[in-house]
Amino acid sequence: MRNVTITLDDSVADWSRVWAAKHQTSVSRMLGELLAEKMAEEESYAAAMEAYLSVPAMPLSDPVTGRPYPARETSHER
């Protein structure tokens, strides 16, 4: 574990001390858990995005007929 020094506004520091006391924890543990959650969310999002982008794109088709939609150029011919 590493020690880290942070700077907080007085009101934020006061609030965090009260919150930590109500939840029977320390400000240090509260911040550590919050940062661990953020890290897990970011890693999970990155993994989900990588999985999504690894699937090849499929052409769109009309759900009723099954035929592909017309090309943009065809739809907007003048």
C-alpha atoms as a PDB file:
ATOM      1  CA  MET A   1       0.000   0.000   0.000  1.00  0.00           C
ATOM      2  CA  ARG A   2       1.072   3.551  -0.626  1.00  0.00           C
ATOM      3  CA  ASN A   3       0.392   6.707   1.298  1.00  0.00           C
ATOM      4  CA  VAL A   4      -0.972   9.555  -0.791  1.00  0.00           C
ATOM      5  CA  THR A   5      -1.530  13.145   0.260  1.00  0.00           C
ATOM      6  CA  ILE A   6      -4.623  14.877  -1.103  1.00  0.00           C
ATOM      7  CA  THR A   7      -6.000  18.370  -0.733  1.00  0.00           C
ATOM      8  CA  LEU A   8      -9.710  18.913  -0.053  1.00  0.00           C
ATOM      9  CA  ASP A   9     -11.852  21.950   0.534  1.00  0.00           C
ATOM     10  CA  ASP A  10     -12.681  22.330   4.213  1.00  0.00           C
ATOM     11  CA  SER A  11     -16.356  21.568   3.671  1.00  0.00           C
ATOM     12  CA  VAL A  12     -15.526  18.399   1.699  1.00  0.00           C
ATOM     13  CA  ALA A  13     -13.075  17.242   4.357  1.00  0.00           C
ATOM     14  CA  ASP A  14     -15.658  17.834   7.095  1.00  0.00           C
ATOM     15  CA  TRP A  15     -18.377  16.023   5.176  1.00  0.00           C
ATOM     16  CA  SER A  16     -16.102  13.069   4.420  1.00  0.00           C
ATOM     17  CA  ARG A  17     -15.127  12.703   8.092  1.00  0.00           C
ATOM     18  CA  VAL A  18     -18.780  12.701   9.155  1.00  0.00           C
ATOM     19  CA  TRP A  19     -19.738  10.234   6.402  1.00  0.00           C
ATOM     20  CA  ALA A  20     -16.874   7.913   7.303  1.00  0.00           C
ATOM     21  CA  ALA A  21     -17.798   8.010  10.996  1.00  0.00           C
ATOM     22  CA  LYS A  22     -21.448   7.200  10.216  1.00  0.00           C
ATOM     23  CA  HIS A  23     -20.328   4.223   8.129  1.00  0.00           C
ATOM     24  CA  GLN A  24     -17.715   3.072  10.650  1.00  0.00           C
ATOM     25  CA  THR A  25     -14.811   3.450   8.251  1.00  0.00           C
ATOM     26  CA  SER A  26     -12.024   5.910   7.605  1.00  0.00           C
ATOM     27  CA  VAL A  27     -11.784   8.621   4.988  1.00  0.00           C
ATOM     28  CA  SER A  28      -8.737   6.809   3.631  1.00  0.00           C
ATOM     29  CA  ARG A  29     -10.637   3.522   3.228  1.00  0.00           C
ATOM     30  CA  MET A  30     -13.660   5.337   1.748  1.00  0.00           C
ATOM     31  CA  LEU A  31     -11.496   7.008  -0.898  1.00  0.00           C
ATOM     32  CA  GLY A  32      -9.604   3.789  -1.586  1.00  0.00           C
ATOM     33  CA  GLU A  33     -12.845   1.881  -2.188  1.00  0.00           C
ATOM     34  CA  LEU A  34     -14.256   4.683  -4.329  1.00  0.00           C
ATOM     35  CA  LEU A  35     -11.158   4.743  -6.517  1.00  0.00           C
ATOM     36  CA  ALA A  36     -11.125   0.929  -6.761  1.00  0.00           C
ATOM     37  CA  GLU A  37     -14.764   1.025  -7.953  1.00  0.00           C
ATOM     38  CA  LYS A  38     -13.943   3.666 -10.560  1.00  0.00           C
ATOM     39  CA  MET A  39     -10.976   1.612 -11.782  1.00  0.00           C
ATOM     40  CA  ALA A  40     -13.142  -1.535 -12.061  1.00  0.00           C
ATOM     41  CA  GLU A  41     -15.853   0.383 -13.959  1.00  0.00           C
ATOM     42  CA  GLU A  42     -13.320   1.762 -16.412  1.00  0.00           C
ATOM     43  CA  GLU A  43     -11.715  -1.640 -16.981  1.00  0.00           C
ATOM     44  CA  SER A  44     -15.134  -3.246 -17.415  1.00  0.00           C
ATOM     45  CA  TYR A  45     -16.193  -0.580 -19.909  1.00  0.00           C
ATOM     46  CA  ALA A  46     -12.961  -0.969 -21.878  1.00  0.00           C
ATOM     47  CA  ALA A  47     -13.415  -4.760 -21.999  1.00  0.00           C
ATOM     48  CA  ALA A  48     -17.040  -4.424 -23.125  1.00  0.00           C
ATOM     49  CA  MET A  49     -16.096  -1.908 -25.821  1.00  0.00           C
ATOM     50  CA  GLU A  50     -13.299  -4.166 -27.072  1.00  0.00           C
ATOM     51  CA  ALA A  51     -15.687  -7.143 -27.218  1.00  0.00           C
ATOM     52  CA  TYR A  52     -18.297  -5.069 -29.067  1.00  0.00           C
ATOM     53  CA  LEU A  53     -15.821  -3.731 -31.602  1.00  0.00           C
ATOM     54  CA  SER A  54     -14.298  -7.174 -32.224  1.00  0.00           C
ATOM     55  CA  VAL A  55     -17.535  -8.440 -33.807  1.00  0.00           C
ATOM     56  CA  PRO A  56     -17.649  -7.774 -37.556  1.00  0.00           C
ATOM     57  CA  ALA A  57     -20.281  -5.325 -38.723  1.00  0.00           C
ATOM     58  CA  MET A  58     -23.340  -6.839 -40.341  1.00  0.00           C
ATOM     59  CA  PRO A  59     -25.274  -5.210 -43.147  1.00  0.00           C
ATOM     60  CA  LEU A  60     -28.685  -3.897 -42.147  1.00  0.00           C
ATOM     61  CA  SER A  61     -31.734  -5.487 -43.689  1.00  0.00           C
ATOM     62  CA  ASP A  62     -35.477  -4.994 -43.640  1.00  0.00           C
ATOM     63  CA  PRO A  63     -36.866  -7.177 -40.817  1.00  0.00           C
ATOM     64  CA  VAL A  64     -40.029  -7.966 -42.813  1.00  0.00           C
ATOM     65  CA  THR A  65     -38.597  -8.864 -46.223  1.00  0.00           C
ATOM     66  CA  GLY A  66     -35.055  -9.744 -45.215  1.00  0.00           C
ATOM     67  CA  ARG A  67     -33.738  -7.752 -48.169  1.00  0.00           C
ATOM     68  CA  PRO A  68     -30.950  -5.227 -47.621  1.00  0.00           C
ATOM     69  CA  TYR A  69     -31.940  -1.602 -47.284  1.00  0.00           C
ATOM     70  CA  PRO A  70     -31.274   0.492 -50.388  1.00  0.00           C
ATOM     71  CA  ALA A  71     -28.018   2.418 -50.562  1.00  0.00           C
ATOM     72  CA  ARG A  72     -28.118   6.052 -49.528  1.00  0.00           C
ATOM     73  CA  GLU A  73     -27.334   7.171 -53.057  1.00  0.00           C
ATOM     74  CA  THR A  74     -30.304   5.231 -54.414  1.00  0.00           C
ATOM     75  CA  SER A  75     -32.685   6.668 -51.810  1.00  0.00           C
ATOM     76  CA  HIS A  76     -31.594  10.245 -52.507  1.00  0.00           C
ATOM     77  CA  GLU A  77     -31.410  10.186 -56.308  1.00  0.00           C
ATOM     78  CA  ARG A  78     -32.699  13.318 -57.970  1.00  0.00           C
END
